[in-house]
Protein backbone atom coordinates (compact mmCIF):
# COMPACT_ATOMS: atom_id res chain seq x y z
CA UNK A 1 -61.06 42.71 -25.42
CA UNK A 2 -58.78 44.71 -27.70
CA UNK A 3 -61.63 45.71 -30.00
CA UNK A 4 -63.66 46.93 -27.02
CA UNK A 5 -60.97 49.54 -26.36
CA UNK A 6 -61.57 51.01 -29.82
CA UNK A 7 -65.34 50.92 -29.27
CA UNK A 8 -65.03 52.69 -25.91
CA UNK A 9 -62.74 55.33 -27.44
CA UNK A 10 -65.23 56.14 -30.22
CA UNK A 11 -68.09 56.36 -27.70
CA UNK A 12 -66.11 58.69 -25.39
CA UNK A 13 -64.26 60.83 -27.92
CA UNK A 14 -64.15 63.93 -25.72
CA UNK A 15 -62.68 61.93 -22.84
CA UNK A 16 -59.98 60.54 -25.15
CA UNK A 17 -59.07 64.04 -26.29
CA UNK A 18 -58.91 65.26 -22.69
CA UNK A 19 -56.66 62.36 -21.69
CA UNK A 20 -54.45 63.18 -24.67
CA UNK A 21 -54.21 66.78 -23.49
CA UNK A 22 -53.26 65.58 -19.99
CA UNK A 23 -50.56 63.35 -21.50
CA UNK A 24 -49.23 66.31 -23.46
CA UNK A 25 -49.05 68.63 -20.44
CA UNK A 26 -47.75 65.91 -18.11
CA UNK A 27 -45.14 64.81 -20.64
CA UNK A 28 -43.83 68.33 -21.11
CA UNK A 29 -43.60 68.91 -17.35
CA UNK A 30 -41.95 65.52 -16.86
CA UNK A 31 -39.38 66.25 -19.56
CA UNK A 32 -38.54 69.59 -17.97
CA UNK A 33 -38.14 68.06 -14.51
CA UNK A 34 -36.64 64.75 -15.55
CA UNK A 35 -32.92 64.43 -14.76
CA UNK A 36 -30.82 64.51 -17.92
CA UNK A 37 -27.20 63.38 -18.09
CA UNK A 38 -24.87 63.35 -21.04
CA UNK A 39 -23.98 59.72 -20.35
CA UNK A 40 -24.86 57.20 -17.62
CA UNK A 41 -22.55 56.34 -14.75
CA UNK A 42 -21.10 52.92 -15.58
CA UNK A 43 -18.75 52.46 -12.60
CA UNK A 44 -19.56 49.70 -10.08
CA UNK A 45 -19.77 50.46 -6.34
CA UNK A 46 -16.28 51.11 -4.98
CA UNK A 47 -14.62 52.02 -1.72
CA UNK A 48 -11.14 53.52 -1.78
CA UNK A 49 -8.91 53.44 1.31
CA UNK A 50 -6.20 56.12 1.32
CA UNK A 51 -3.43 55.96 3.93
CA UNK A 52 -0.58 58.43 4.19
CA UNK A 53 2.68 57.56 5.97
CA UNK A 54 5.08 60.38 5.14
CA UNK A 55 8.82 59.83 4.59
CA UNK A 56 8.59 56.05 4.22
CA UNK A 57 9.63 54.04 1.20
CA UNK A 58 7.11 52.17 -0.91
CA UNK A 59 8.46 48.80 0.34
CA UNK A 60 7.74 49.76 3.93
CA UNK A 61 4.33 51.15 3.01
CA UNK A 62 3.49 47.91 1.18
CA UNK A 63 4.62 45.65 4.03
CA UNK A 64 3.37 47.59 7.06
CA UNK A 65 0.30 49.40 5.71
CA UNK A 66 -1.07 47.95 2.47
CA UNK A 67 -0.75 44.26 3.33
CA UNK A 68 -2.41 44.57 6.77
CA UNK A 69 -5.29 46.47 5.19
CA UNK A 70 -5.68 43.85 2.45
CA UNK A 71 -5.66 41.02 4.96
CA UNK A 72 -8.30 42.75 7.06
CA UNK A 73 -10.49 43.47 4.01
CA UNK A 74 -10.49 39.88 2.81
CA UNK A 75 -13.96 38.39 2.97
CA UNK A 76 -15.86 41.69 2.93
CA UNK A 77 -19.47 40.89 1.91
CA UNK A 78 -20.30 41.41 -1.78
CA UNK A 79 -16.72 42.37 -2.67
CA UNK A 80 -15.73 41.33 -6.20
CA UNK A 81 -12.11 42.42 -6.53
CA UNK A 82 -9.50 44.26 -4.48
CA UNK A 83 -6.60 46.21 -5.96
CA UNK A 84 -3.88 48.20 -4.27
CA UNK A 85 -0.88 50.36 -5.02
CA UNK A 86 1.92 51.41 -2.68
CA UNK A 87 3.94 54.55 -3.35
CA UNK A 88 6.37 56.66 -1.40
CA UNK A 89 4.44 57.70 1.71
CA UNK A 90 1.09 56.61 0.29
CA UNK A 91 -1.04 53.44 0.27
CA UNK A 92 -4.15 53.14 -1.84
CA UNK A 93 -6.53 50.16 -1.66
CA UNK A 94 -9.58 49.99 -3.95
CA UNK A 95 -12.43 47.58 -3.21
CA UNK A 96 -14.94 46.89 -5.99
CA UNK A 97 -18.34 45.48 -5.01
CA UNK A 98 -21.15 43.71 -6.80
CA UNK A 99 -23.65 45.69 -8.80
CA UNK A 100 -26.67 46.99 -6.85
CA UNK A 101 -24.66 46.94 -3.60
CA UNK A 102 -25.61 49.91 -1.46
CA UNK A 103 -22.71 52.37 -1.38
CA UNK A 104 -23.21 53.25 2.27
CA UNK A 105 -23.46 49.61 3.27
CA UNK A 106 -20.11 48.94 1.61
CA UNK A 107 -18.48 51.93 3.31
CA UNK A 108 -19.91 50.94 6.69
CA UNK A 109 -18.46 47.42 6.41
CA UNK A 110 -15.08 48.85 5.44
CA UNK A 111 -15.19 51.28 8.38
CA UNK A 112 -15.80 48.40 10.78
CA UNK A 113 -12.89 46.42 9.33
CA UNK A 114 -10.52 49.40 9.44
CA UNK A 115 -10.79 49.59 13.22
CA UNK A 116 -9.38 46.04 13.45
CA UNK A 117 -6.34 46.61 11.22
CA UNK A 118 -2.91 46.68 12.92
CA UNK A 119 -0.99 49.66 11.56
CA UNK A 120 2.09 51.63 12.66
CA UNK A 121 1.67 54.27 15.34
CA UNK A 122 0.26 57.51 14.00
CA UNK A 123 -0.99 56.01 10.74
CA UNK A 124 -4.71 56.57 10.19
CA UNK A 125 -6.44 55.29 7.03
CA UNK A 126 -9.26 57.34 5.51
CA UNK A 127 -11.91 56.68 2.88
CA UNK A 128 -11.98 58.64 -0.36
CA UNK A 129 -15.11 60.71 -0.99
CA UNK A 130 -18.07 58.85 -2.42
CA UNK A 131 -17.94 59.77 -6.09
CA UNK A 132 -17.74 57.95 -9.41
CA UNK A 133 -14.98 58.26 -12.03
CA UNK A 134 -17.34 60.39 -14.12
CA UNK A 135 -18.28 62.64 -11.20
CA UNK A 136 -16.25 65.70 -12.19
CA UNK A 137 -18.89 68.36 -12.81
CA UNK A 138 -17.29 71.76 -12.11
CA UNK A 139 -13.84 73.31 -12.32
CA UNK A 140 -12.80 76.83 -11.41
CA UNK A 141 -9.76 79.03 -10.81
CA UNK A 142 -9.22 81.83 -8.32
CA UNK A 143 -8.37 85.21 -9.76
CA UNK A 144 -6.91 88.20 -7.97
CA UNK A 145 -4.83 91.11 -9.26
CA UNK A 146 -2.77 91.50 -6.07
CA UNK A 147 -2.71 88.30 -4.01
CA UNK A 148 0.01 85.68 -4.24
CA UNK A 149 -0.70 82.03 -5.13
CA UNK A 150 -0.04 81.11 -1.49
CA UNK A 151 -2.71 83.51 -0.27
CA UNK A 152 -5.17 82.20 -2.86
CA UNK A 153 -4.37 78.62 -1.85
CA UNK A 154 -5.07 79.50 1.79
CA UNK A 155 -8.45 80.98 0.82
CA UNK A 156 -9.20 77.88 -1.26
CA UNK A 157 -8.38 75.46 1.57
CA UNK A 158 -10.01 77.29 4.46
CA UNK A 159 -12.97 79.11 2.90
CA UNK A 160 -13.99 77.96 -0.56
CA UNK A 161 -13.61 74.17 -0.16
CA UNK A 162 -15.65 74.17 3.04
CA UNK A 163 -18.35 76.28 1.42
CA UNK A 164 -18.70 74.01 -1.61
CA UNK A 165 -18.76 70.86 0.52
CA UNK A 166 -21.87 72.18 2.23
CA UNK A 167 -23.79 72.06 -1.08
CA UNK A 168 -26.13 69.10 -1.34
CA UNK A 169 -24.77 66.48 -3.72
CA UNK A 170 -21.12 67.58 -3.61
CA UNK A 171 -18.78 64.79 -2.54
CA UNK A 172 -15.56 66.81 -2.40
CA UNK A 173 -13.79 69.93 -3.60
CA UNK A 174 -10.17 69.12 -4.42
CA UNK A 175 -7.93 72.13 -4.81
CA UNK A 176 -4.47 72.15 -6.25
CA UNK A 177 -1.98 74.68 -7.46
CA UNK A 178 -0.32 77.36 -5.37
CA UNK A 179 1.63 76.64 -2.18
CA UNK A 180 0.44 75.53 1.25
CA UNK A 181 1.37 78.08 3.94
CA UNK A 182 3.45 76.84 6.88
CA UNK A 183 4.87 78.39 10.06
CA UNK A 184 8.48 77.28 9.85
CA UNK A 185 11.23 77.24 12.46
CA UNK A 186 14.60 77.49 10.68
CA UNK A 187 17.12 76.16 13.20
CA UNK A 188 20.77 77.20 13.22
CA UNK A 189 22.98 74.11 13.82
CA UNK A 190 25.76 76.23 15.38
CA UNK A 191 23.44 77.86 17.92
CA UNK A 192 21.78 74.54 18.75
CA UNK A 193 25.21 73.03 19.37
CA UNK A 194 26.25 76.04 21.46
CA UNK A 195 23.25 75.62 23.76
CA UNK A 196 23.74 71.82 23.94
CA UNK A 197 20.26 71.17 22.58
CA UNK A 198 18.94 68.62 20.11
CA UNK A 199 16.34 68.90 17.38
CA UNK A 200 13.96 66.43 19.12
CA UNK A 201 14.03 68.70 22.18
CA UNK A 202 12.98 71.67 20.08
CA UNK A 203 10.27 69.65 18.35
CA UNK A 204 8.92 68.39 21.67
CA UNK A 205 8.88 71.91 23.12
CA UNK A 206 6.99 73.27 20.13
CA UNK A 207 4.36 70.51 20.40
CA UNK A 208 3.97 70.89 24.18
CA UNK A 209 3.60 74.67 24.12
CA UNK A 210 0.90 75.00 21.47
CA UNK A 211 -2.29 74.15 23.35
CA UNK A 212 -4.66 75.47 25.97
CA UNK A 213 -5.16 73.64 29.26
CA UNK A 214 -8.05 73.53 31.70
CA UNK A 215 -7.37 74.15 35.40
CA UNK A 216 -10.74 73.37 36.98
CA UNK A 217 -12.40 76.02 39.12
CA UNK A 218 -12.31 77.55 42.61
CA UNK A 219 -14.85 79.23 44.84
CA UNK A 220 -14.37 82.74 46.23
CA UNK A 221 -16.97 85.01 47.70
CA UNK A 222 -19.79 82.66 46.81
CA UNK A 223 -18.85 82.58 43.13
CA UNK A 224 -17.13 80.00 40.96
CA UNK A 225 -14.11 81.02 38.91
CA UNK A 226 -12.91 78.79 36.09
CA UNK A 227 -9.18 78.46 35.55
CA UNK A 228 -7.53 77.74 32.22
CA UNK A 229 -4.07 78.14 30.79
CA UNK A 230 -3.71 79.97 27.47
CA UNK A 231 -0.85 78.50 25.48
CA UNK A 232 -2.09 78.37 21.91
CA UNK A 233 0.28 80.27 19.63
CA UNK A 234 -1.20 82.97 17.47
CA UNK A 235 1.67 84.37 15.42
CA UNK A 236 5.36 83.99 14.72
CA UNK A 237 6.28 86.04 17.79
CA UNK A 238 4.53 83.54 20.07
CA UNK A 239 6.46 80.71 18.42
CA UNK A 240 9.74 82.54 18.94
CA UNK A 241 8.97 82.98 22.67
CA UNK A 242 8.50 79.23 23.34
CA UNK A 243 11.06 78.00 25.89
CA UNK A 244 13.03 74.96 24.75
CA UNK A 245 15.55 74.74 27.60
CA UNK A 246 17.59 76.67 30.20
CA UNK A 247 21.24 77.57 30.63
CA UNK A 248 22.24 78.45 34.20
CA UNK A 249 18.73 79.56 35.00
CA UNK A 250 18.38 81.61 31.84
CA UNK A 251 15.56 80.37 29.55
CA UNK A 252 16.49 79.42 26.01
CA UNK A 253 13.79 80.35 23.54
CA UNK A 254 13.12 79.27 20.00
CA UNK A 255 14.29 82.61 18.65
CA UNK A 256 17.65 82.01 20.33
CA UNK A 257 18.36 78.87 18.29
CA UNK A 258 16.75 79.77 14.96
CA UNK A 259 14.46 82.01 12.98
CA UNK A 260 10.68 81.80 12.75
CA UNK A 261 9.21 82.58 9.32
CA UNK A 262 6.16 81.97 7.19
CA UNK A 263 7.00 79.61 4.34
CA UNK A 264 5.35 76.88 2.33
CA UNK A 265 5.35 73.10 2.15
CA UNK A 266 7.34 71.35 -0.58
CA UNK A 267 5.42 71.56 -3.83
CA UNK A 268 3.97 68.40 -5.31
CA UNK A 269 2.95 70.02 -8.58
CA UNK A 270 2.02 73.23 -10.31
CA UNK A 271 -1.10 74.35 -12.12
CA UNK A 272 -1.20 76.84 -14.95
CA UNK A 273 -4.24 78.51 -16.46
CA UNK A 274 -4.01 80.45 -19.72
CA UNK A 275 -1.19 82.99 -19.24
CA UNK A 276 -0.89 82.43 -15.49
CA UNK A 277 1.83 79.82 -14.83
CA UNK A 278 1.06 79.53 -11.11
CA UNK A 279 -2.69 79.51 -10.58
CA UNK A 280 -4.99 77.90 -8.00
CA UNK A 281 -7.72 75.55 -9.18
CA UNK A 282 -10.66 73.78 -7.57
CA UNK A 283 -12.34 70.61 -8.84
CA UNK A 284 -15.81 69.74 -7.57
CA UNK A 285 -16.80 66.08 -7.53
CA UNK A 286 -20.43 65.01 -7.52
CA UNK A 287 -21.74 62.55 -4.95
CA UNK A 288 -22.45 59.15 -6.44
CA UNK A 289 -26.11 58.69 -7.35
CA UNK A 290 -26.94 62.41 -7.50
CA UNK A 291 -28.31 64.18 -10.56
CA UNK A 292 -25.98 66.53 -12.39
CA UNK A 293 -28.50 69.30 -12.98
CA UNK A 294 -29.59 69.55 -9.34
CA UNK A 295 -26.01 69.56 -8.04
CA UNK A 296 -24.86 72.20 -10.52
CA UNK A 297 -27.72 74.51 -9.58
CA UNK A 298 -26.55 74.42 -5.96
CA UNK A 299 -22.91 74.86 -6.96
CA UNK A 300 -23.66 77.84 -9.20
CA UNK A 301 -25.73 79.46 -6.45
CA UNK A 302 -22.87 78.94 -3.98
CA UNK A 303 -20.44 80.49 -6.50
CA UNK A 304 -22.60 83.62 -6.69
CA UNK A 305 -22.76 83.78 -2.90
CA UNK A 306 -18.99 83.41 -2.54
CA UNK A 307 -18.20 86.03 -5.18
CA UNK A 308 -20.61 88.66 -3.88
CA UNK A 309 -20.87 88.09 -0.11
CA UNK A 310 -18.05 86.01 1.37
CA UNK A 311 -14.77 86.43 -0.53
CA UNK A 312 -12.73 89.64 -0.44
CA UNK A 313 -13.59 92.09 -3.22
CA UNK A 314 -10.32 91.42 -5.07
CA UNK A 315 -10.77 87.62 -5.14
CA UNK A 316 -13.18 86.05 -7.62
CA UNK A 317 -14.08 82.50 -8.59
CA UNK A 318 -13.88 81.99 -12.34
CA UNK A 319 -15.52 78.72 -13.50
CA UNK A 320 -14.10 77.38 -16.75
CA UNK A 321 -15.76 73.94 -16.91
CA UNK A 322 -19.40 73.25 -16.19
CA UNK A 323 -21.09 69.91 -16.90
CA UNK A 324 -24.37 71.77 -17.48
CA UNK A 325 -22.99 72.94 -20.83
CA UNK A 326 -22.51 69.33 -21.89
CA UNK A 327 -25.96 68.39 -20.58
CA UNK A 328 -27.48 71.34 -22.46
CA UNK A 329 -25.67 70.35 -25.63
CA UNK A 330 -26.95 66.79 -25.22
CA UNK A 331 -30.52 68.01 -24.73
CA UNK A 332 -30.33 70.30 -27.77
CA UNK A 333 -28.89 67.47 -29.89
CA UNK A 334 -31.64 65.08 -28.87
CA UNK A 335 -34.38 67.66 -29.47
CA UNK A 336 -32.96 68.56 -32.88
CA UNK A 337 -32.69 64.91 -33.90
CA UNK A 338 -36.24 64.21 -32.75
CA UNK A 339 -37.57 67.18 -34.69
CA UNK A 340 -35.70 66.20 -37.86
CA UNK A 341 -36.90 62.63 -37.49
CA UNK A 342 -40.53 63.66 -37.12
CA UNK A 343 -40.34 65.98 -40.14
CA UNK A 344 -38.72 63.24 -42.21
CA UNK A 345 -41.35 60.72 -41.15
CA UNK A 346 -44.09 63.21 -42.02
CA UNK A 347 -42.65 63.73 -45.52
CA UNK A 348 -42.37 59.98 -46.12
CA UNK A 349 -45.91 59.39 -44.90
CA UNK A 350 -47.29 62.09 -47.19
CA UNK A 351 -45.43 60.49 -50.07
CA UNK A 352 -46.79 57.00 -49.49
CA UNK A 353 -50.23 57.72 -48.06
CA UNK A 354 -50.91 60.58 -50.51
CA UNK A 355 -53.00 62.25 -47.81
CA UNK A 356 -51.82 65.11 -45.67
CA UNK A 357 -54.51 64.49 -43.04
CA UNK A 358 -53.60 60.81 -42.68
CA UNK A 359 -49.90 61.66 -42.51
CA UNK A 360 -50.47 64.25 -39.77
CA UNK A 361 -52.54 61.78 -37.74
CA UNK A 362 -49.75 59.22 -37.93
CA UNK A 363 -47.02 61.79 -37.20
CA UNK A 364 -48.82 62.93 -34.04
CA UNK A 365 -48.12 59.52 -32.56
CA UNK A 366 -44.39 60.27 -32.37
CA UNK A 367 -44.40 63.23 -29.92
CA UNK A 368 -47.35 61.88 -27.93
CA UNK A 369 -45.73 58.46 -27.43
CA UNK A 370 -42.50 60.15 -26.35
CA UNK A 371 -44.37 62.34 -23.88
CA UNK A 372 -46.04 59.21 -22.49
CA UNK A 373 -42.59 57.62 -22.10
CA UNK A 374 -41.28 60.74 -20.31
CA UNK A 375 -44.13 60.55 -17.80
CA UNK A 376 -43.36 56.93 -16.94
CA UNK A 377 -39.59 57.50 -16.86
CA UNK A 378 -39.98 60.49 -14.55
CA UNK A 379 -42.28 58.47 -12.28
CA UNK A 380 -39.58 55.77 -12.02
CA UNK A 381 -36.82 58.38 -11.56
CA UNK A 382 -34.91 57.18 -14.63
CA UNK A 383 -32.42 59.71 -15.98
CA UNK A 384 -32.46 60.43 -19.68
CA UNK A 385 -29.27 60.58 -21.70
CA UNK A 386 -28.13 60.87 -25.30
CA UNK A 387 -28.25 57.11 -25.87
CA UNK A 388 -31.63 56.42 -24.25
CA UNK A 389 -33.52 59.15 -26.12
CA UNK A 390 -31.45 59.35 -29.28
CA UNK A 391 -31.82 55.62 -29.98
CA UNK A 392 -35.60 55.76 -30.39
CA UNK A 393 -36.67 54.26 -33.72
CA UNK A 394 -39.56 56.30 -35.10
CA UNK A 395 -40.35 53.68 -37.72
CA UNK A 396 -41.01 51.05 -35.08
CA UNK A 397 -43.01 53.46 -32.94
CA UNK A 398 -45.47 54.40 -35.69
CA UNK A 399 -45.62 50.94 -37.29
CA UNK A 400 -48.98 50.03 -35.74
CA UNK A 401 -50.37 53.51 -36.33
CA UNK A 402 -49.58 53.33 -40.05
CA UNK A 403 -51.38 49.99 -40.33
CA UNK A 404 -54.43 51.34 -38.47
CA UNK A 405 -54.78 54.60 -40.39
CA UNK A 406 -54.06 52.96 -43.75
CA UNK A 407 -56.79 50.36 -43.24
CA UNK A 408 -59.26 53.04 -42.14
CA UNK A 409 -58.30 55.16 -45.14
CA UNK A 410 -58.71 52.18 -47.50
CA UNK A 411 -62.14 51.23 -46.13
CA UNK A 412 -63.38 54.81 -46.45
CA UNK A 413 -61.99 55.11 -49.96
CA UNK A 414 -63.86 51.95 -51.01
CA UNK A 415 -67.14 53.57 -49.90
CA UNK A 416 -66.61 56.80 -51.82
CA UNK A 417 -69.93 58.11 -53.07
CA UNK A 418 -71.94 55.76 -50.82
CA UNK A 419 -73.97 56.43 -47.69
CA UNK A 420 -72.43 54.94 -44.57
CA UNK A 421 -72.02 55.40 -40.84
CA UNK A 422 -68.51 56.76 -40.28
CA UNK A 423 -68.02 55.26 -36.80
CA UNK A 424 -69.16 51.84 -37.95
CA UNK A 425 -66.73 51.87 -40.87
CA UNK A 426 -63.89 52.93 -38.58
CA UNK A 427 -64.82 50.17 -36.12
CA UNK A 428 -64.91 47.58 -38.87
CA UNK A 429 -61.55 48.73 -40.23
CA UNK A 430 -60.02 48.73 -36.76
CA UNK A 431 -61.39 45.28 -36.02
CA UNK A 432 -59.45 43.88 -38.95
CA UNK A 433 -56.08 45.08 -37.67
CA UNK A 434 -56.28 45.85 -33.93
CA UNK A 435 -55.41 42.33 -32.79
CA UNK A 436 -52.45 41.95 -35.24
CA UNK A 437 -51.19 45.39 -34.16
CA UNK A 438 -51.33 44.40 -30.50
CA UNK A 439 -49.43 41.16 -31.04
CA UNK A 440 -46.85 42.79 -33.31
CA UNK A 441 -46.06 45.38 -30.61
CA UNK A 442 -45.89 42.57 -28.05
CA UNK A 443 -43.35 40.76 -30.23
CA UNK A 444 -41.27 43.92 -30.58
CA UNK A 445 -41.34 44.43 -26.81
CA UNK A 446 -40.25 40.83 -26.32
CA UNK A 447 -37.21 41.62 -28.43
CA UNK A 448 -36.06 44.09 -25.78
CA UNK A 449 -36.32 41.59 -22.93
CA UNK A 450 -32.76 40.21 -23.38
CA UNK A 451 -31.43 43.70 -22.70
CA UNK A 452 -32.79 43.49 -19.15
CA UNK A 453 -30.65 40.40 -18.61
CA UNK A 454 -27.50 42.49 -19.08
CA UNK A 455 -25.61 43.40 -15.93
CA UNK A 456 -22.66 45.54 -15.04
CA UNK A 457 -21.66 48.49 -17.25
CA UNK A 458 -23.54 47.08 -20.26
CA UNK A 459 -26.75 46.90 -18.24
CA UNK A 460 -26.39 50.47 -16.96
CA UNK A 461 -25.70 51.62 -20.50
CA UNK A 462 -28.60 49.93 -22.29
CA UNK A 463 -31.33 49.59 -19.63
CA UNK A 464 -32.47 53.25 -19.94
CA UNK A 465 -32.61 52.88 -23.73
CA UNK A 466 -34.71 49.71 -23.49
CA UNK A 467 -37.05 51.30 -20.96
CA UNK A 468 -37.50 54.45 -23.04
CA UNK A 469 -38.21 52.47 -26.19
CA UNK A 470 -40.57 50.06 -24.41
CA UNK A 471 -42.60 52.82 -22.81
CA UNK A 472 -42.78 54.68 -26.13
CA UNK A 473 -44.08 51.53 -27.84
CA UNK A 474 -46.70 51.02 -25.14
CA UNK A 475 -47.76 54.65 -25.49
CA UNK A 476 -47.94 54.32 -29.27
CA UNK A 477 -50.08 51.19 -28.92
CA UNK A 478 -52.50 52.95 -26.57
CA UNK A 479 -52.74 55.93 -28.92
CA UNK A 480 -53.26 53.66 -31.93
CA UNK A 481 -56.23 51.96 -30.28
CA UNK A 482 -57.79 55.13 -28.87
CA UNK A 483 -56.70 58.46 -30.31
CA UNK A 484 -56.19 57.43 -33.96
CA UNK A 485 -59.79 56.21 -34.50
CA UNK A 486 -61.09 59.33 -32.73
CA UNK A 487 -59.05 61.68 -34.92
CA UNK A 488 -60.09 59.75 -38.01
CA UNK A 489 -63.76 60.20 -37.01
CA UNK A 490 -63.21 63.98 -36.85
CA UNK A 491 -60.95 64.53 -39.87
CA UNK A 492 -62.56 62.10 -42.30
CA UNK A 493 -66.19 63.22 -41.89
CA UNK A 494 -66.45 64.24 -45.53
CA UNK A 495 -64.98 60.97 -46.69
CA UNK A 496 -61.75 60.33 -48.51
CA UNK A 497 -60.71 59.81 -52.07
CA UNK A 498 -57.74 57.62 -52.73
CA UNK A 499 -55.33 59.33 -55.11
CA UNK A 500 -52.96 57.41 -57.36
CA UNK A 501 -49.31 57.39 -56.34
CA UNK A 502 -47.41 57.12 -59.61
CA UNK A 503 -43.98 56.85 -57.96
CA UNK A 504 -45.18 54.09 -55.68
CA UNK A 505 -46.85 52.26 -58.55
CA UNK A 506 -43.61 52.40 -60.51
CA UNK A 507 -41.75 50.93 -57.52
CA UNK A 508 -44.35 48.17 -57.23
CA UNK A 509 -43.89 47.23 -60.87
CA UNK A 510 -40.12 47.06 -60.50
CA UNK A 511 -40.48 45.00 -57.37
CA UNK A 512 -42.88 42.60 -59.11
CA UNK A 513 -40.32 41.96 -61.84
CA UNK A 514 -37.59 41.19 -59.29
CA UNK A 515 -39.97 39.03 -57.26
CA UNK A 516 -40.86 36.96 -60.32
CA UNK A 517 -37.17 36.47 -61.07
CA UNK A 518 -36.49 35.28 -57.49
CA UNK A 519 -39.46 32.90 -57.49
CA UNK A 520 -38.40 31.40 -60.81
CA UNK A 521 -34.85 30.75 -59.44
CA UNK A 522 -35.31 29.63 -55.81
CA UNK A 523 -31.91 27.90 -55.51
CA UNK A 524 -30.02 30.91 -56.79
CA UNK A 525 -31.95 33.17 -54.43
CA UNK A 526 -31.15 30.98 -51.43
CA UNK A 527 -27.43 30.85 -52.34
CA UNK A 528 -27.22 34.63 -52.66
CA UNK A 529 -28.99 35.13 -49.34
CA UNK A 530 -26.66 32.61 -47.66
CA UNK A 531 -23.56 34.36 -49.01
CA UNK A 532 -24.82 37.72 -47.79
CA UNK A 533 -25.49 36.29 -44.33
CA UNK A 534 -22.08 34.57 -44.17
CA UNK A 535 -20.20 37.71 -45.26
CA UNK A 536 -21.16 39.54 -42.08
CA UNK A 537 -19.03 37.19 -39.99
CA UNK A 538 -15.96 38.15 -42.00
CA UNK A 539 -16.80 41.84 -41.86
CA UNK A 540 -17.34 41.70 -38.11
CA UNK A 541 -13.68 40.91 -37.38
CA UNK A 542 -12.50 43.82 -39.52
CA UNK A 543 -14.40 46.37 -37.51
CA UNK A 544 -12.39 48.64 -35.25
CA UNK A 545 -13.46 51.28 -32.81
CA UNK A 546 -12.09 54.70 -33.57
CA UNK A 547 -11.94 55.85 -30.02
CA UNK A 548 -12.38 54.66 -26.47
CA UNK A 549 -13.18 56.59 -23.34
CA UNK A 550 -10.47 56.37 -20.75
CA UNK A 551 -11.42 57.41 -17.28
CA UNK A 552 -8.17 57.95 -15.41
CA UNK A 553 -8.05 58.75 -11.75
CA UNK A 554 -5.12 60.97 -10.96
CA UNK A 555 -4.02 62.78 -7.86
CA UNK A 556 -5.28 66.26 -7.28
CA UNK A 557 -2.64 66.77 -4.61
CA UNK A 558 -2.26 65.74 -0.98
CA UNK A 559 -3.72 62.30 -1.42
CA UNK A 560 -7.05 63.35 -2.89
CA UNK A 561 -8.27 61.46 -5.99
CA UNK A 562 -9.54 63.37 -8.95
CA UNK A 563 -11.14 61.86 -12.07
CA UNK A 564 -10.04 63.33 -15.38
CA UNK A 565 -11.88 61.89 -18.40
CA UNK A 566 -10.46 62.44 -21.84
CA UNK A 567 -10.79 60.91 -25.29
CA UNK A 568 -7.89 58.90 -26.61
CA UNK A 569 -7.82 58.36 -30.35
CA UNK A 570 -5.81 55.60 -31.96
CA UNK A 571 -5.28 54.66 -35.59
CA UNK A 572 -7.67 51.99 -36.80
CA UNK A 573 -4.71 49.75 -37.70
CA UNK A 574 -3.74 49.54 -34.03
CA UNK A 575 -7.27 48.88 -32.88
CA UNK A 576 -7.67 46.02 -35.31
CA UNK A 577 -5.03 44.16 -33.35
CA UNK A 578 -7.08 44.48 -30.22
CA UNK A 579 -9.92 42.12 -29.39
CA UNK A 580 -11.79 44.95 -27.69
CA UNK A 581 -13.77 47.14 -30.06
CA UNK A 582 -15.08 49.60 -27.53
CA UNK A 583 -13.42 49.87 -24.18
CA UNK A 584 -13.76 51.63 -20.87
CA UNK A 585 -10.36 51.65 -19.20
CA UNK A 586 -9.98 52.61 -15.58
CA UNK A 587 -6.53 53.06 -14.20
CA UNK A 588 -5.62 52.84 -10.57
CA UNK A 589 -4.77 56.13 -8.82
CA UNK A 590 -1.27 57.40 -9.43
């Protein structure tokens, strides 16, 4: 069966070349359209419940908000672990679910349970946006030569955030920095006391006089007239005219007991950018499961629209972090490594095969097998990353090709000066090695099967690498059985002449001497090999990771979570004391 593939390829050489051209074009298009990320998303499915209860101590928040939510969330399907933290005025409950759990299914179950939780009056829990800890893809600051940080913060909250949230794939836009504008009533205790009023009376009057009311309709002259009361305040003057009481028939207004001014809410933090100590920033979080490149294209287009069509002329969005730069750097690194690897393999093949034509035929297997892998990966919607593409072993990929072309080259060299049918010689040479090549590739593929048994973060990390390598091996096997014999039939028409490789012959002689020594002393050889194998167990415990990626989730302000990844470096002496060599630490929200 395997040999028939080679026979069919030599009979239909033009068809094989056309299929190779289709693989080349399809692989290039697939690589250009295939989603590329710097690193895979390793976080499991999570649902975060955020509940704000202002002005209450953490003990009260824990007892009256966090505990009822935890009790109600117990027994949620597919939940693995539940963690919570209670702070002053804030409760945060994080539910972690099993791998492969649908994110929207998990959120729907949590929504249904939230409606059954018994919480204090006025307390409403909300779910954090659906993003992963590594979902931070875009950061920007607002710049204006004349506007205050409060004005910029108002534009950020009411214009920019809503515009970015409309982009497909954006989970949230968290802004912080600046001050939040408030309409404030500054009461005078002496005047309140003089009018015999209380603060709750003023608060109730302000709440009751800031809304419109419907009054139905009436009929007059055969027409309907709708009646409504306009009471929604529009400015500080309207607030000052609100009646809070009466004294001997004279209305007492808000302006009589205090001053109405535009102020700001108490600051929870401050953001500085370069030389500006009080700037306004926005952080865009990507929706879980989306592709970075597609989301960033929409975000960048929205930035152009905001800067040129929507925002005032003196306000501009200045992006200072863009994940596309990291993705581009990853792509360039992978392409450069692949190119260097192919050139190195070509040089080594020329050295050992002593034939430029044979070396080129073997080297062509590398890009073509990768293009074949890109086609399959793109069809399965598998994102490429630095690990999955950068971990490809060129030596394993071209192993079968080297065996095939070397045997063909040897058979042709043996018939130098003789009359022979080129296709028959190639078929005979391929018949000697095609079955061993097939089974050797099958054994190599079987070695990757345990990787598919990995689950959790390790599975997400190594599955793309195993798939890329497996598809590349399958593509190399197909090319070895089809394209390589066809190219040999074209490039070796005039025959070949095997040239002596003096460097290789010298290496063979040295190896023969060492082999004779090992065969003459089998016990000594076995002892040395055993010591070398045993030494690795002692060296393993002395290894230490030089760095670990910590993905911390911190507050972006006003109860909104914001992931901030950074690299923490520790001395190797400290890491030796740890049993974890490479770690991914995820802290609960602050």
